[in-house]
C-alpha atoms as a PDB file:
ATOM      1  CA  MET A   1      17.189 -11.406 -27.181  1.00  0.00           C
ATOM      2  CA  ALA A   2      16.211  -7.824 -26.178  1.00  0.00           C
ATOM      3  CA  TRP A   3      17.387  -6.653 -22.721  1.00  0.00           C
ATOM      4  CA  ASP A   4      15.040  -5.268 -20.268  1.00  0.00           C
ATOM      5  CA  PHE A   5      16.283  -3.118 -17.597  1.00  0.00           C
ATOM      6  CA  PRO A   6      13.610  -2.526 -14.829  1.00  0.00           C
ATOM      7  CA  LYS A   7      13.262   0.744 -13.083  1.00  0.00           C
ATOM      8  CA  LYS A   8      15.364   0.985 -10.002  1.00  0.00           C
ATOM      9  CA  SER A   9      13.251   0.743  -6.842  1.00  0.00           C
ATOM     10  CA  VAL A  10      13.770   3.496  -4.270  1.00  0.00           C
ATOM     11  CA  MET A  11      13.901   2.718  -0.592  1.00  0.00           C
ATOM     12  CA  GLY A  12      14.070   5.336   2.026  1.00  0.00           C
ATOM     13  CA  ARG A  13      12.992   8.948   2.573  1.00  0.00           C
ATOM     14  CA  GLY A  14      10.475  10.346   0.269  1.00  0.00           C
ATOM     15  CA  GLY A  15      11.994   8.573  -2.749  1.00  0.00           C
ATOM     16  CA  TYR A  16       8.828   7.857  -4.433  1.00  0.00           C
ATOM     17  CA  GLY A  17       8.613  11.245  -6.218  1.00  0.00           C
ATOM     18  CA  PRO A  18       6.313  14.227  -5.928  1.00  0.00           C
ATOM     19  CA  ALA A  19       3.124  12.350  -6.620  1.00  0.00           C
ATOM     20  CA  TRP A  20       3.586  10.413  -3.295  1.00  0.00           C
ATOM     21  CA  THR A  21       2.395  13.486  -1.471  1.00  0.00           C
ATOM     22  CA  GLU A  22      -0.489  14.347  -3.719  1.00  0.00           C
ATOM     23  CA  LEU A  23      -2.163  11.019  -4.862  1.00  0.00           C
ATOM     24  CA  PRO A  24      -3.657   8.197  -2.621  1.00  0.00           C
ATOM     25  CA  ALA A  25      -0.931   5.615  -2.688  1.00  0.00           C
ATOM     26  CA  VAL A  26       0.776   2.789  -0.979  1.00  0.00           C
ATOM     27  CA  ALA A  27       4.247   1.575  -1.034  1.00  0.00           C
ATOM     28  CA  ILE A  28       5.253  -2.188  -0.690  1.00  0.00           C
ATOM     29  CA  CYS A  29       8.166  -2.442   1.725  1.00  0.00           C
ATOM     30  CA  LYS A  30      10.015  -5.414   3.153  1.00  0.00           C
ATOM     31  CA  THR A  31       8.443  -5.007   6.603  1.00  0.00           C
ATOM     32  CA  GLY A  32       4.918  -4.141   5.404  1.00  0.00           C
ATOM     33  CA  ILE A  33       2.820  -1.620   3.498  1.00  0.00           C
ATOM     34  CA  SER A  34       3.136   2.151   3.917  1.00  0.00           C
ATOM     35  CA  LEU A  35       0.139   4.302   3.485  1.00  0.00           C
ATOM     36  CA  ASN A  36       0.599   7.847   2.552  1.00  0.00           C
ATOM     37  CA  LEU A  37      -1.324  10.765   4.023  1.00  0.00           C
ATOM     38  CA  ALA A  38      -3.488  11.349   0.965  1.00  0.00           C
ATOM     39  CA  PHE A  39      -4.553   7.611   1.167  1.00  0.00           C
ATOM     40  CA  CYS A  40      -5.517   7.916   4.813  1.00  0.00           C
ATOM     41  CA  ASN A  41      -7.469  11.279   4.297  1.00  0.00           C
ATOM     42  CA  ALA A  42      -9.102   9.965   1.158  1.00  0.00           C
ATOM     43  CA  PHE A  43     -10.402   6.663   2.536  1.00  0.00           C
ATOM     44  CA  GLY A  44     -10.881   7.609   6.186  1.00  0.00           C
ATOM     45  CA  ILE A  45      -8.040   5.422   7.616  1.00  0.00           C
ATOM     46  CA  ARG A  46      -7.063   6.123  11.211  1.00  0.00           C
ATOM     47  CA  MET A  47      -4.592   4.746  13.513  1.00  0.00           C
ATOM     48  CA  GLY A  48      -5.806   1.666  15.341  1.00  0.00           C
ATOM     49  CA  MET A  49      -8.366   0.688  12.676  1.00  0.00           C
ATOM     50  CA  ALA A  50      -8.533  -2.918  11.477  1.00  0.00           C
ATOM     51  CA  LEU A  51      -8.025  -3.574   7.866  1.00  0.00           C
ATOM     52  CA  GLN A  52      -8.440  -6.782   5.798  1.00  0.00           C
ATOM     53  CA  VAL A  53      -5.697  -7.043   3.293  1.00  0.00           C
ATOM     54  CA  GLY A  54      -6.507  -9.303   0.290  1.00  0.00           C
ATOM     55  CA  LYS A  55      -4.787 -10.396  -2.890  1.00  0.00           C
ATOM     56  CA  ASP A  56      -5.660 -10.994  -6.466  1.00  0.00           C
ATOM     57  CA  LEU A  57      -2.903 -13.047  -7.933  1.00  0.00           C
ATOM     58  CA  GLU A  58      -4.199 -13.053 -11.422  1.00  0.00           C
ATOM     59  CA  GLN A  59      -4.487  -9.325 -11.871  1.00  0.00           C
ATOM     60  CA  ARG A  60      -1.632  -8.675  -9.448  1.00  0.00           C
ATOM     61  CA  LYS A  61      -3.781  -6.601  -7.023  1.00  0.00           C
ATOM     62  CA  VAL A  62      -3.742  -5.914  -3.267  1.00  0.00           C
ATOM     63  CA  GLY A  63      -6.989  -4.850  -1.718  1.00  0.00           C
ATOM     64  CA  PHE A  64      -7.833  -3.257   1.591  1.00  0.00           C
ATOM     65  CA  LYS A  65     -11.319  -3.380   3.233  1.00  0.00           C
ATOM     66  CA  ILE A  66     -12.127  -1.582   6.455  1.00  0.00           C
ATOM     67  CA  VAL A  67     -13.316  -3.873   9.097  1.00  0.00           C
ATOM     68  CA  THR A  68     -16.519  -2.787  10.890  1.00  0.00           C
ATOM     69  CA  ALA A  69     -17.212  -3.188  14.565  1.00  0.00           C
ATOM     70  CA  ASP A  70     -19.465  -6.228  14.088  1.00  0.00           C
ATOM     71  CA  GLU A  71     -17.017  -8.322  11.985  1.00  0.00           C
ATOM     72  CA  ASP A  72     -14.377 -10.646  13.276  1.00  0.00           C
ATOM     73  CA  ARG A  73     -11.100  -8.954  13.787  1.00  0.00           C
ATOM     74  CA  ALA A  74      -8.927 -12.172  14.334  1.00  0.00           C
ATOM     75  CA  GLN A  75      -7.418 -12.336  10.751  1.00  0.00           C
ATOM     76  CA  ASN A  76      -7.075  -8.633  10.211  1.00  0.00           C
ATOM     77  CA  TYR A  77      -4.231  -6.148  10.332  1.00  0.00           C
ATOM     78  CA  LEU A  78      -4.058  -3.141  12.642  1.00  0.00           C
ATOM     79  CA  VAL A  79      -3.144   0.273  11.235  1.00  0.00           C
ATOM     80  CA  LEU A  80      -0.078   1.629  13.017  1.00  0.00           C
ATOM     81  CA  ALA A  81       1.654   4.984  13.020  1.00  0.00           C
ATOM     82  CA  ASN A  82       4.838   5.095  10.950  1.00  0.00           C
ATOM     83  CA  LYS A  83       7.855   4.941  13.428  1.00  0.00           C
ATOM     84  CA  GLY A  84      10.370   5.646  10.726  1.00  0.00           C
ATOM     85  CA  ASN A  85      11.772   8.861   9.600  1.00  0.00           C
ATOM     86  CA  LYS A  86       9.209  11.618   9.572  1.00  0.00           C
ATOM     87  CA  SER A  87      10.462  13.140   6.311  1.00  0.00           C
ATOM     88  CA  ALA A  88       9.317  10.134   4.497  1.00  0.00           C
ATOM     89  CA  LYS A  89       5.814  11.490   4.602  1.00  0.00           C
ATOM     90  CA  SER A  90       4.259   7.962   5.232  1.00  0.00           C
ATOM     91  CA  ALA A  91       1.284   8.597   7.514  1.00  0.00           C
ATOM     92  CA  MET A  92       0.579   4.989   8.526  1.00  0.00           C
ATOM     93  CA  ARG A  93       1.669   1.502   7.969  1.00  0.00           C
ATOM     94  CA  VAL A  94       0.303  -2.073   7.960  1.00  0.00           C
ATOM     95  CA  GLY A  95       2.443  -4.986   9.069  1.00  0.00           C
ATOM     96  CA  ALA A  96       1.496  -7.349   6.291  1.00  0.00           C
ATOM     97  CA  LYS A  97       4.769  -8.720   5.068  1.00  0.00           C
ATOM     98  CA  TRP A  98       3.382 -11.153   2.517  1.00  0.00           C
ATOM     99  CA  PRO A  99       3.088  -8.719  -0.516  1.00  0.00           C
ATOM    100  CA  ALA A 100       6.888  -8.449  -0.463  1.00  0.00           C
ATOM    101  CA  LYS A 101       7.217 -12.073  -0.555  1.00  0.00           C
ATOM    102  CA  LEU A 102       4.597 -12.555  -3.245  1.00  0.00           C
ATOM    103  CA  PHE A 103       5.636  -9.742  -5.409  1.00  0.00           C
ATOM    104  CA  PRO A 104       9.442  -9.130  -4.806  1.00  0.00           C
ATOM    105  CA  ASP A 105       9.641  -6.898  -7.837  1.00  0.00           C
ATOM    106  CA  CYS A 106       7.410  -4.346  -6.232  1.00  0.00           C
ATOM    107  CA  VAL A 107       9.463  -3.860  -2.975  1.00  0.00           C
ATOM    108  CA  GLY A 108      10.440  -0.224  -2.765  1.00  0.00           C
ATOM    109  CA  CYS A 109       7.930   0.981  -5.211  1.00  0.00           C
ATOM    110  CA  ALA A 110       4.679   3.080  -4.690  1.00  0.00           C
ATOM    111  CA  TYR A 111       1.357   2.466  -6.427  1.00  0.00           C
ATOM    112  CA  ARG A 112      -1.734   4.564  -6.805  1.00  0.00           C
ATOM    113  CA  ALA A 113      -4.793   3.342  -4.919  1.00  0.00           C
ATOM    114  CA  GLN A 114      -8.456   3.556  -5.917  1.00  0.00           C
ATOM    115  CA  LEU A 115     -11.803   2.654  -4.562  1.00  0.00           C
ATOM    116  CA  ASN A 116     -13.819  -0.243  -6.061  1.00  0.00           C
ATOM    117  CA  PRO A 117     -17.361   1.206  -5.561  1.00  0.00           C
ATOM    118  CA  GLY A 118     -19.134  -2.083  -6.011  1.00  0.00           C
ATOM    119  CA  GLN A 119     -17.306  -4.080  -3.406  1.00  0.00           C
ATOM    120  CA  ARG A 120     -16.133  -1.171  -1.225  1.00  0.00           C
ATOM    121  CA  ILE A 121     -12.535  -2.467  -1.555  1.00  0.00           C
ATOM    122  CA  ILE A 122      -9.582  -0.070  -1.963  1.00  0.00           C
ATOM    123  CA  GLU A 123      -7.571  -1.672  -4.787  1.00  0.00           C
ATOM    124  CA  VAL A 124      -3.991  -1.358  -5.707  1.00  0.00           C
ATOM    125  CA  LEU A 125      -2.846  -2.516  -9.128  1.00  0.00           C
ATOM    126  CA  LEU A 126       0.812  -3.645  -8.879  1.00  0.00           C
ATOM    127  CA  SER A 127       1.799  -2.871 -12.431  1.00  0.00           C
ATOM    128  CA  PRO A 128       4.405  -0.473 -13.937  1.00  0.00           C
ATOM    129  CA  GLU A 129       1.620   1.544 -15.381  1.00  0.00           C
ATOM    130  CA  ASN A 130       0.177   2.184 -11.918  1.00  0.00           C
ATOM    131  CA  ARG A 131       3.476   3.222 -10.411  1.00  0.00           C
ATOM    132  CA  ILE A 132       3.785   6.879  -9.170  1.00  0.00           C
END
């Protein structure tokens, strides 16, 4: 039997590497999802906006969709400012805790985000190849 030692996940201040400040990315945390500044700037995310947070269990993806004013906001998450340590360089956060429960191996890891142009959904593939 071959041993597989997974990469240690890093919790805390700026431990996601230099790409965390350059690429649009999100980090899966125990208390929610952290959005970096590049993510917020690239996709026009601002504090107080409502986001739908969806999942694709087959492909291990988390998706974000910006809610417009005419859509129902009852089942959506509010984008909040990061109250944590400012040196972490997380611009915003979303209080969705379910990704940490569904994908416990992803907690403490950051993943690159990209826009799906057809559906206008910001997709994050939770695979080791997409880690930053």
